[in-house]
Amino acid sequence: MSQLPQGWDSIQLKDLFSFVLGGDWGKDPEYIDEDYKTVFCIRGTEFKRWSKEKGSTSVERKVKNSSAEKRELKPGDILIEISGGGPEQPVGRTVLIDDAALNHNPDYPKVCTNFIRLTRPKDSVDSRYLNYYLQCFYASGEVVNYQGGSNNLRNLKFKEYETIKVPLAPFEEQKRIADKLDSVLAKVEAAQARLDKIPGILKRFRQSVLAAATSGELTKDWREDNDLMSNYEENIDWTVLDGGVAPHYIPSNWTWHHVGNLIEIHNSKRKPLKQADRDKRSGDYPYYGAFGIIDDIDDFLFDGSYLLLAEDGKNLESRQRPISLIANGKFWVNNHAHVIQGKESVTIEYLMHFFNSPTIEIDQFLTGMDQVKLNKSSMIKIPIPLPPYEEQTEVNRRVEELFSNAATVEKQYNAAKARLDKLTQSILAKAFKGQLL
């Protein structure tokens, strides 16, 4: 450790605690036993949104009276996550219990789950100061040296973790540093909150672009400039669009079709993906489907440009429309995606924009309960508004241009977020070198 400021000391973490105890998950809320009482249990799930929610989503449980008495959380307690981490999120996150956290369901004690270790700092240690240091330690990446377990479930080697050295300022200086960090990091957090709105804005922007693209609004001025009809009318051939579908109004020079009239389907060439296939990664071609893109496959079934449309709930989850993308070159596809080519009257790009557009009424074409499915017979019946070919190319050009602008903003957002994340770590690092005050 670098030279500490005068009056500071380097103390092992375990020597800063007056009390350490594992949590208790207890039993279901319906469990009845006079030796058990109702508590609200804080889980690792609550850690991610702690600054905003302060554990308001903690869950009701029943634990033994004696356990609740020993484990009831108090202001100033620090909770340390000891199990549940993974490759993208190491274990070892911490949160500080304060009055705001205890005011949720105030009539009941709060405890933590057994995936969390309850620690109570000594009176000579400011809990905010220590929690900030542990957050700094976590953000530095050093915490991975104190992990064990499998790839998908990491555990904190707590006995080893307790031996880390904490740069400890005199108590009054601890409080001043914690006060300063409260103030400065609140401003950083406010900036982060504003920044975090951008992905949602970009998502709504892209959806509005696709809605305009598939309704005729996006190219309305183009039609007027080219002396084409711009008025909107229902323009529906109900012999084609049966089944109670209620399409939106489209320009007079557009026409409604069934998807099946405009595409060729190549599902017969799909290859179901088995674990053995996933383990044979010896080629250069991507594999599309429920598992995403898998590289290093030593053969291919398709060569060209195709639209891949999600078929089942593994890709449709939490969405009200299919996910579609264009795959070019050589690739494999498993049986979780439809493989589509457009006929001469439709561009593959326009098909992709349509299937990703919020205007498509997909709900009535889905089947299944636990796993939602868009089967072939339903997919081909979906009504699609089709502009003339020349206008399709203009739609595609404008969507690409607008999406490119959105991608630029997204890139700037990611860069700003990375700088803000580094700023937080830089502020914390300065604090524990005595350079913040």
Protein backbone atom coordinates (compact mmCIF):
# COMPACT_ATOMS: atom_id res chain seq x y z
CA MET A 1 0.00 0.00 0.00
CA SER A 2 1.30 3.50 -0.79
CA GLN A 3 2.34 5.94 1.92
CA LEU A 4 -0.62 6.80 4.15
CA PRO A 5 -1.36 10.32 5.40
CA GLN A 6 -0.08 11.19 8.84
CA GLY A 7 -2.26 9.76 11.59
CA TRP A 8 -3.76 7.04 9.37
CA ASP A 9 -3.25 3.33 9.91
CA SER A 10 -3.61 0.15 7.84
CA ILE A 11 -5.94 -2.29 9.61
CA GLN A 12 -7.22 -5.72 8.60
CA LEU A 13 -10.92 -5.66 7.84
CA LYS A 14 -11.76 -8.30 10.44
CA ASP A 15 -10.36 -6.03 13.18
CA LEU A 16 -12.88 -3.31 12.29
CA PHE A 17 -15.98 -5.41 13.00
CA SER A 18 -17.66 -5.87 16.36
CA PHE A 19 -20.16 -8.41 15.05
CA VAL A 20 -20.30 -10.76 12.03
CA LEU A 21 -23.06 -13.28 11.28
CA GLY A 22 -24.55 -15.10 8.34
CA GLY A 23 -28.11 -14.41 7.24
CA ASP A 24 -31.23 -16.54 7.47
CA TRP A 25 -33.66 -17.29 4.65
CA GLY A 26 -36.14 -18.95 7.01
CA LYS A 27 -39.43 -20.38 5.81
CA ASP A 28 -42.38 -19.36 3.64
CA PRO A 29 -44.65 -16.57 4.97
CA GLU A 30 -47.51 -19.08 5.40
CA TYR A 31 -45.52 -21.20 7.85
CA ILE A 32 -47.20 -21.25 11.27
CA ASP A 33 -45.20 -21.84 14.45
CA GLU A 34 -45.22 -19.78 17.63
CA ASP A 35 -41.42 -19.98 17.70
CA TYR A 36 -41.25 -18.18 14.34
CA LYS A 37 -41.95 -14.55 13.49
CA THR A 38 -42.45 -12.48 10.34
CA VAL A 39 -39.44 -10.60 9.01
CA PHE A 40 -38.50 -8.98 5.70
CA CYS A 41 -35.43 -10.51 4.11
CA ILE A 42 -32.95 -8.54 2.00
CA ARG A 43 -31.43 -10.48 -0.90
CA GLY A 44 -28.65 -9.83 -3.40
CA THR A 45 -31.44 -8.87 -5.82
CA GLU A 46 -31.92 -5.66 -3.83
CA PHE A 47 -28.27 -4.60 -4.10
CA LYS A 48 -28.38 -3.38 -7.69
CA ARG A 49 -31.08 -0.76 -7.08
CA TRP A 50 -30.15 -0.03 -3.49
CA SER A 51 -29.48 3.70 -3.84
CA LYS A 52 -33.00 4.26 -5.20
CA GLU A 53 -35.06 1.59 -3.47
CA LYS A 54 -33.20 0.90 -0.22
CA GLY A 55 -34.46 -2.67 -0.06
CA SER A 56 -38.14 -1.87 -0.60
CA THR A 57 -38.48 -5.10 -2.60
CA SER A 58 -37.27 -7.30 0.27
CA VAL A 59 -39.49 -10.33 0.75
CA GLU A 60 -41.62 -11.53 3.64
CA ARG A 61 -40.31 -14.64 5.42
CA LYS A 62 -40.67 -16.48 8.73
CA VAL A 63 -37.59 -17.08 10.91
CA LYS A 64 -37.13 -18.35 14.45
CA ASN A 65 -37.58 -15.73 17.14
CA SER A 66 -34.05 -16.33 18.41
CA SER A 67 -32.63 -15.98 14.88
CA ALA A 68 -34.54 -12.75 14.26
CA GLU A 69 -33.29 -11.34 17.54
CA LYS A 70 -29.64 -12.06 16.66
CA ARG A 71 -29.87 -11.03 13.03
CA GLU A 72 -32.16 -8.00 13.13
CA LEU A 73 -30.49 -5.25 11.10
CA LYS A 74 -29.58 -1.92 12.65
CA PRO A 75 -28.53 1.44 11.19
CA GLY A 76 -24.85 1.31 10.30
CA ASP A 77 -24.75 -2.40 9.51
CA ILE A 78 -22.91 -3.34 6.31
CA LEU A 79 -24.20 -6.27 4.25
CA ILE A 80 -21.60 -8.13 2.19
CA GLU A 81 -22.70 -10.43 -0.63
CA ILE A 82 -20.93 -13.77 -0.16
CA SER A 83 -22.61 -15.94 -2.79
CA GLY A 84 -24.37 -15.57 -6.13
CA GLY A 85 -21.87 -13.73 -8.30
CA GLY A 86 -20.97 -14.66 -11.85
CA PRO A 87 -18.54 -13.84 -14.69
CA GLU A 88 -20.06 -10.42 -15.38
CA GLN A 89 -20.77 -9.53 -11.75
CA PRO A 90 -18.24 -10.69 -9.18
CA VAL A 91 -19.49 -11.51 -5.71
CA GLY A 92 -18.60 -9.09 -2.91
CA ARG A 93 -20.98 -6.17 -3.40
CA THR A 94 -21.91 -4.24 -0.25
CA VAL A 95 -24.75 -2.03 0.96
CA LEU A 96 -25.12 0.15 4.03
CA ILE A 97 -28.22 -0.18 6.21
CA ASP A 98 -29.68 3.18 7.19
CA ASP A 99 -32.98 4.50 8.55
CA ALA A 100 -34.47 4.69 5.05
CA ALA A 101 -33.88 0.95 4.55
CA LEU A 102 -35.47 0.11 7.89
CA ASN A 103 -38.53 2.32 7.27
CA HIS A 104 -39.92 -0.08 4.65
CA ASN A 105 -42.48 -2.27 6.42
CA PRO A 106 -41.44 -0.62 9.70
CA ASP A 107 -43.48 -2.93 11.91
CA TYR A 108 -41.28 -5.92 11.05
CA PRO A 109 -37.59 -6.70 11.65
CA LYS A 110 -35.24 -6.77 8.68
CA VAL A 111 -32.74 -9.58 8.16
CA CYS A 112 -30.57 -10.67 5.26
CA THR A 113 -30.57 -13.93 3.34
CA ASN A 114 -27.93 -16.59 3.96
CA PHE A 115 -26.21 -15.50 0.71
CA ILE A 116 -25.21 -12.32 2.58
CA ARG A 117 -22.97 -11.71 5.60
CA LEU A 118 -24.13 -9.20 8.21
CA THR A 119 -21.24 -7.12 9.56
CA ARG A 120 -21.40 -4.44 12.26
CA PRO A 121 -18.44 -2.02 12.46
CA LYS A 122 -16.91 -1.05 15.80
CA ASP A 123 -17.83 2.26 17.39
CA SER A 124 -14.42 3.63 16.34
CA VAL A 125 -15.28 3.10 12.65
CA ASP A 126 -17.67 5.25 10.62
CA SER A 127 -19.90 2.77 8.76
CA ARG A 128 -20.25 5.04 5.74
CA TYR A 129 -16.48 5.40 5.48
CA LEU A 130 -15.93 1.64 5.66
CA ASN A 131 -18.71 0.86 3.19
CA TYR A 132 -17.27 3.37 0.73
CA TYR A 133 -13.87 1.69 1.04
CA LEU A 134 -15.35 -1.76 0.40
CA GLN A 135 -17.14 -0.38 -2.64
CA CYS A 136 -13.85 1.11 -3.83
CA PHE A 137 -12.15 -2.24 -3.32
CA TYR A 138 -14.91 -3.99 -5.27
CA ALA A 139 -14.78 -1.50 -8.15
CA SER A 140 -11.00 -1.89 -8.40
CA GLY A 141 -11.49 -5.52 -9.47
CA GLU A 142 -9.29 -6.89 -6.69
CA VAL A 143 -12.26 -8.70 -5.17
CA VAL A 144 -11.95 -11.43 -7.82
CA ASN A 145 -8.84 -12.63 -5.99
CA TYR A 146 -11.08 -13.58 -3.07
CA GLN A 147 -13.62 -15.59 -5.06
CA GLY A 148 -14.18 -19.31 -5.45
CA GLY A 149 -16.82 -21.56 -6.95
CA SER A 150 -17.97 -22.41 -10.46
CA ASN A 151 -18.14 -20.19 -13.53
CA ASN A 152 -21.84 -19.46 -13.03
CA LEU A 153 -21.93 -19.17 -9.25
CA ARG A 154 -19.13 -17.42 -7.38
CA ASN A 155 -18.62 -17.44 -3.62
CA LEU A 156 -16.64 -15.00 -1.53
CA LYS A 157 -13.82 -16.58 0.49
CA PHE A 158 -14.84 -14.53 3.47
CA LYS A 159 -12.04 -15.58 5.82
CA GLU A 160 -9.50 -14.45 3.23
CA TYR A 161 -11.54 -11.36 2.36
CA GLU A 162 -11.46 -10.30 6.02
CA THR A 163 -7.68 -10.02 5.82
CA ILE A 164 -7.67 -7.15 3.32
CA LYS A 165 -6.04 -4.01 4.68
CA VAL A 166 -8.21 -0.91 5.10
CA PRO A 167 -6.56 2.55 5.15
CA LEU A 168 -8.14 3.93 8.31
CA ALA A 169 -8.22 7.65 9.03
CA PRO A 170 -8.83 9.05 12.55
CA PHE A 171 -12.52 8.84 13.43
CA GLU A 172 -13.35 12.54 12.95
CA GLU A 173 -11.59 12.54 9.60
CA GLN A 174 -13.49 9.38 8.61
CA LYS A 175 -16.73 11.29 9.16
CA ARG A 176 -15.52 14.30 7.15
CA ILE A 177 -14.44 12.04 4.27
CA ALA A 178 -17.77 10.18 4.37
CA ASP A 179 -19.66 13.50 4.37
CA LYS A 180 -17.67 14.69 1.38
CA LEU A 181 -18.25 11.43 -0.49
CA ASP A 182 -21.98 11.62 0.26
CA SER A 183 -22.08 15.07 -1.32
CA VAL A 184 -19.84 14.45 -4.34
CA LEU A 185 -21.16 11.02 -5.24
CA ALA A 186 -24.76 12.26 -4.97
CA LYS A 187 -23.95 14.63 -7.84
CA VAL A 188 -22.34 11.81 -9.81
CA GLU A 189 -25.38 9.62 -9.17
CA ALA A 190 -27.70 12.40 -10.36
CA ALA A 191 -25.69 12.67 -13.56
CA GLN A 192 -25.83 8.88 -13.91
CA ALA A 193 -29.63 8.93 -13.48
CA ARG A 194 -29.95 11.47 -16.30
CA LEU A 195 -27.60 9.43 -18.46
CA ASP A 196 -29.53 6.22 -17.76
CA LYS A 197 -32.59 7.68 -19.47
CA ILE A 198 -30.83 7.68 -22.83
CA PRO A 199 -31.18 3.93 -23.67
CA GLY A 200 -34.94 4.16 -23.13
CA ILE A 201 -35.14 7.29 -25.28
CA LEU A 202 -33.15 5.58 -28.05
CA LYS A 203 -35.38 2.51 -27.87
CA ARG A 204 -38.52 4.62 -28.20
CA PHE A 205 -36.90 6.57 -31.05
CA ARG A 206 -36.08 3.41 -32.99
CA GLN A 207 -39.57 2.07 -32.43
CA SER A 208 -41.13 5.33 -33.65
CA VAL A 209 -38.92 5.22 -36.75
CA LEU A 210 -40.05 1.67 -37.54
CA ALA A 211 -43.69 2.53 -36.89
CA ALA A 212 -43.42 5.49 -39.28
CA ALA A 213 -41.54 3.35 -41.82
CA THR A 214 -44.28 0.70 -41.99
CA SER A 215 -47.23 3.09 -41.96
CA GLY A 216 -46.11 5.42 -44.74
CA GLU A 217 -45.36 8.44 -42.55
CA LEU A 218 -41.60 8.19 -42.93
CA THR A 219 -41.73 8.64 -46.72
CA LYS A 220 -44.76 10.94 -46.98
CA ASP A 221 -42.68 13.86 -48.26
CA TRP A 222 -40.88 11.55 -50.69
CA ARG A 223 -44.20 10.53 -52.26
CA GLU A 224 -45.28 14.15 -52.52
CA ASP A 225 -41.97 15.12 -54.14
CA ASN A 226 -42.47 12.32 -56.65
CA ASP A 227 -46.11 13.23 -57.32
CA LEU A 228 -47.34 9.97 -55.82
CA MET A 229 -50.62 9.61 -53.93
CA SER A 230 -50.16 10.49 -50.25
CA ASN A 231 -53.69 10.27 -48.92
CA TYR A 232 -54.33 7.50 -46.41
CA GLU A 233 -57.17 5.05 -46.67
CA GLU A 234 -58.06 1.64 -45.34
CA ASN A 235 -57.30 -0.02 -48.68
CA ILE A 236 -57.99 -3.54 -47.39
CA ASP A 237 -58.78 -6.66 -49.32
CA TRP A 238 -60.65 -8.65 -46.66
CA THR A 239 -60.42 -11.82 -48.75
CA VAL A 240 -56.70 -11.68 -48.03
CA LEU A 241 -56.85 -10.30 -44.50
CA ASP A 242 -59.24 -12.58 -42.71
CA GLY A 243 -59.29 -13.64 -39.07
CA GLY A 244 -60.56 -10.45 -37.49
CA VAL A 245 -57.37 -8.45 -38.11
CA ALA A 246 -57.76 -4.67 -38.02
CA PRO A 247 -54.86 -3.18 -40.02
CA HIS A 248 -54.04 0.52 -39.86
CA TYR A 249 -54.63 2.99 -42.67
CA ILE A 250 -51.93 3.11 -45.36
CA PRO A 251 -51.16 5.36 -48.35
CA SER A 252 -53.29 4.77 -51.41
CA ASN A 253 -50.40 3.40 -53.44
CA TRP A 254 -49.55 0.78 -50.77
CA THR A 255 -51.21 -2.63 -50.59
CA TRP A 256 -51.98 -5.15 -47.84
CA HIS A 257 -50.75 -8.73 -48.13
CA HIS A 258 -50.29 -11.85 -46.10
CA VAL A 259 -46.63 -12.34 -45.17
CA GLY A 260 -46.82 -15.78 -46.77
CA ASN A 261 -47.52 -14.23 -50.18
CA LEU A 262 -44.24 -12.30 -50.13
CA ILE A 263 -41.69 -14.79 -48.82
CA GLU A 264 -40.04 -18.14 -49.37
CA ILE A 265 -39.42 -20.21 -46.24
CA HIS A 266 -36.38 -22.46 -45.89
CA ASN A 267 -37.06 -24.04 -42.50
CA SER A 268 -36.46 -27.55 -43.84
CA LYS A 269 -32.73 -26.85 -43.92
CA ARG A 270 -32.48 -25.86 -40.25
CA LYS A 271 -30.28 -27.97 -37.99
CA PRO A 272 -31.39 -28.58 -34.37
CA LEU A 273 -28.60 -27.68 -31.99
CA LYS A 274 -27.42 -30.34 -29.54
CA GLN A 275 -24.88 -29.96 -26.76
CA ALA A 276 -22.48 -32.11 -28.75
CA ASP A 277 -22.70 -29.66 -31.66
CA ARG A 278 -21.97 -26.74 -29.34
CA ASP A 279 -18.82 -28.47 -28.15
CA LYS A 280 -17.51 -28.94 -31.70
CA ARG A 281 -16.21 -25.44 -32.36
CA SER A 282 -13.79 -25.99 -35.19
CA GLY A 283 -15.08 -23.85 -38.06
CA ASP A 284 -15.56 -20.22 -39.01
CA TYR A 285 -19.32 -19.84 -39.44
CA PRO A 286 -21.87 -18.43 -36.96
CA TYR A 287 -24.78 -20.44 -35.63
CA TYR A 288 -28.03 -18.55 -35.03
CA GLY A 289 -30.95 -19.50 -32.83
CA ALA A 290 -32.03 -19.65 -29.21
CA PHE A 291 -28.43 -19.68 -28.01
CA GLY A 292 -27.54 -16.53 -29.94
CA ILE A 293 -24.54 -16.59 -32.28
CA ILE A 294 -22.14 -19.45 -31.72
CA ASP A 295 -18.80 -19.22 -33.52
CA ASP A 296 -16.50 -21.95 -34.77
CA ILE A 297 -18.82 -24.37 -36.56
CA ASP A 298 -17.12 -26.53 -39.17
CA ASP A 299 -19.93 -26.61 -41.74
CA PHE A 300 -22.86 -24.49 -42.93
CA LEU A 301 -26.37 -24.97 -44.25
CA PHE A 302 -27.04 -21.53 -45.73
CA ASP A 303 -25.06 -19.26 -48.00
CA GLY A 304 -26.49 -15.87 -48.96
CA SER A 305 -28.72 -13.23 -47.43
CA TYR A 306 -31.69 -14.38 -45.35
CA LEU A 307 -34.03 -12.93 -42.76
CA LEU A 308 -34.02 -14.87 -39.49
CA LEU A 309 -37.22 -14.53 -37.49
CA ALA A 310 -37.49 -15.80 -33.91
CA GLU A 311 -39.90 -18.69 -33.67
CA ASP A 312 -40.27 -19.56 -29.99
CA GLY A 313 -40.42 -18.08 -26.51
CA LYS A 314 -36.71 -18.44 -25.90
CA ASN A 315 -36.32 -15.43 -28.17
CA LEU A 316 -39.77 -13.87 -27.87
CA GLU A 317 -39.76 -13.60 -24.07
CA SER A 318 -41.05 -10.30 -22.69
CA ARG A 319 -41.70 -9.01 -26.21
CA GLN A 320 -44.90 -8.34 -28.11
CA ARG A 321 -43.33 -8.88 -31.51
CA PRO A 322 -40.75 -11.19 -33.15
CA ILE A 323 -37.06 -10.47 -33.21
CA SER A 324 -35.64 -10.46 -36.72
CA LEU A 325 -32.21 -9.89 -38.22
CA ILE A 326 -30.51 -10.29 -41.57
CA ALA A 327 -27.78 -12.91 -41.81
CA ASN A 328 -25.34 -12.74 -44.69
CA GLY A 329 -22.79 -15.25 -45.96
CA LYS A 330 -22.38 -18.74 -44.59
CA PHE A 331 -24.12 -19.72 -41.38
CA TRP A 332 -26.16 -22.36 -39.59
CA VAL A 333 -29.60 -21.94 -38.07
CA ASN A 334 -31.25 -24.14 -35.46
CA ASN A 335 -34.96 -24.82 -35.15
CA HIS A 336 -35.69 -21.76 -33.00
CA ALA A 337 -35.74 -19.33 -35.94
CA HIS A 338 -37.62 -19.14 -39.23
CA VAL A 339 -35.35 -18.72 -42.27
CA ILE A 340 -36.92 -16.40 -44.83
CA GLN A 341 -36.14 -14.96 -48.26
CA GLY A 342 -38.22 -12.25 -49.87
CA LYS A 343 -39.78 -12.61 -53.29
CA GLU A 344 -39.07 -10.08 -56.03
CA SER A 345 -41.76 -7.66 -54.84
CA VAL A 346 -40.26 -7.11 -51.37
CA THR A 347 -36.82 -6.25 -50.03
CA ILE A 348 -35.43 -8.28 -47.18
CA GLU A 349 -34.60 -5.05 -45.30
CA TYR A 350 -38.22 -3.91 -45.40
CA LEU A 351 -39.33 -7.29 -44.09
CA MET A 352 -36.93 -6.94 -41.16
CA HIS A 353 -38.19 -3.44 -40.37
CA PHE A 354 -41.77 -4.68 -40.48
CA PHE A 355 -41.21 -7.61 -38.12
CA ASN A 356 -39.36 -5.38 -35.66
CA SER A 357 -41.98 -2.63 -35.84
CA PRO A 358 -44.41 -2.05 -32.94
CA THR A 359 -47.23 -1.70 -35.48
CA ILE A 360 -47.39 -5.44 -36.07
CA GLU A 361 -50.27 -7.01 -34.13
CA ILE A 362 -48.38 -10.14 -33.16
CA ASP A 363 -50.34 -11.23 -30.08
CA GLN A 364 -53.14 -12.87 -32.01
CA PHE A 365 -50.69 -14.98 -34.00
CA LEU A 366 -48.75 -16.45 -31.06
CA THR A 367 -49.46 -19.86 -29.57
CA GLY A 368 -48.42 -21.58 -26.34
CA MET A 369 -48.53 -20.62 -22.69
CA ASP A 370 -45.26 -21.33 -20.86
CA GLN A 371 -43.24 -20.94 -24.04
CA VAL A 372 -44.72 -18.55 -26.57
CA LYS A 373 -44.35 -19.69 -30.16
CA LEU A 374 -44.79 -18.12 -33.58
CA ASN A 375 -45.26 -21.17 -35.78
CA LYS A 376 -45.03 -21.17 -39.55
CA SER A 377 -48.77 -21.49 -40.20
CA SER A 378 -49.46 -18.43 -38.04
CA MET A 379 -46.52 -16.42 -39.29
CA ILE A 380 -47.56 -16.59 -42.95
CA LYS A 381 -51.02 -15.17 -42.07
CA ILE A 382 -49.67 -11.95 -40.56
CA PRO A 383 -50.89 -8.92 -42.56
CA ILE A 384 -48.14 -6.68 -43.91
CA PRO A 385 -48.53 -3.24 -45.55
CA LEU A 386 -46.36 -3.14 -48.67
CA PRO A 387 -45.16 0.02 -50.45
CA PRO A 388 -44.05 -0.09 -54.10
CA TYR A 389 -40.51 -1.47 -54.50
CA GLU A 390 -38.95 1.92 -55.18
CA GLU A 391 -40.49 3.33 -52.01
CA GLN A 392 -39.30 0.32 -50.03
CA THR A 393 -35.71 1.19 -50.94
CA GLU A 394 -36.33 4.78 -49.80
CA VAL A 395 -37.85 3.50 -46.54
CA ASN A 396 -34.79 1.31 -46.00
CA ARG A 397 -32.40 4.19 -46.74
CA ARG A 398 -34.12 6.51 -44.28
CA VAL A 399 -34.34 3.90 -41.54
CA GLU A 400 -30.65 3.12 -41.97
CA GLU A 401 -29.77 6.81 -41.79
CA LEU A 402 -31.86 7.45 -38.68
CA PHE A 403 -30.61 4.28 -36.98
CA SER A 404 -27.06 5.35 -37.80
CA ASN A 405 -27.70 8.64 -36.01
CA ALA A 406 -29.10 6.71 -33.05
CA ALA A 407 -26.02 4.47 -33.05
CA THR A 408 -23.81 7.57 -32.87
CA VAL A 409 -25.74 8.82 -29.85
CA GLU A 410 -25.53 5.36 -28.30
CA LYS A 411 -21.77 5.31 -28.79
CA GLN A 412 -21.50 8.73 -27.13
CA TYR A 413 -23.69 7.47 -24.27
CA ASN A 414 -21.47 4.43 -23.72
CA ALA A 415 -18.36 6.61 -23.70
CA ALA A 416 -19.94 9.05 -21.23
CA LYS A 417 -21.09 6.19 -19.00
CA ALA A 418 -17.60 4.69 -18.99
CA ARG A 419 -16.11 8.07 -18.04
CA LEU A 420 -18.66 8.47 -15.25
CA ASP A 421 -17.91 4.99 -13.92
CA LYS A 422 -14.20 5.82 -13.89
CA LEU A 423 -14.94 9.13 -12.19
CA THR A 424 -16.65 7.37 -9.27
CA GLN A 425 -13.67 5.05 -8.84
CA SER A 426 -11.24 7.95 -9.12
CA ILE A 427 -13.11 9.91 -6.43
CA LEU A 428 -13.13 6.90 -4.10
CA ALA A 429 -9.44 6.21 -4.71
CA LYS A 430 -8.54 9.81 -3.85
CA ALA A 431 -10.65 9.65 -0.69
CA PHE A 432 -8.67 6.73 0.71
CA LYS A 433 -5.35 8.37 -0.05
CA GLY A 434 -6.40 11.40 1.96
CA GLN A 435 -6.58 13.58 -1.16
CA LEU A 436 -10.30 14.41 -1.20
CA LEU A 437 -10.58 16.98 1.59
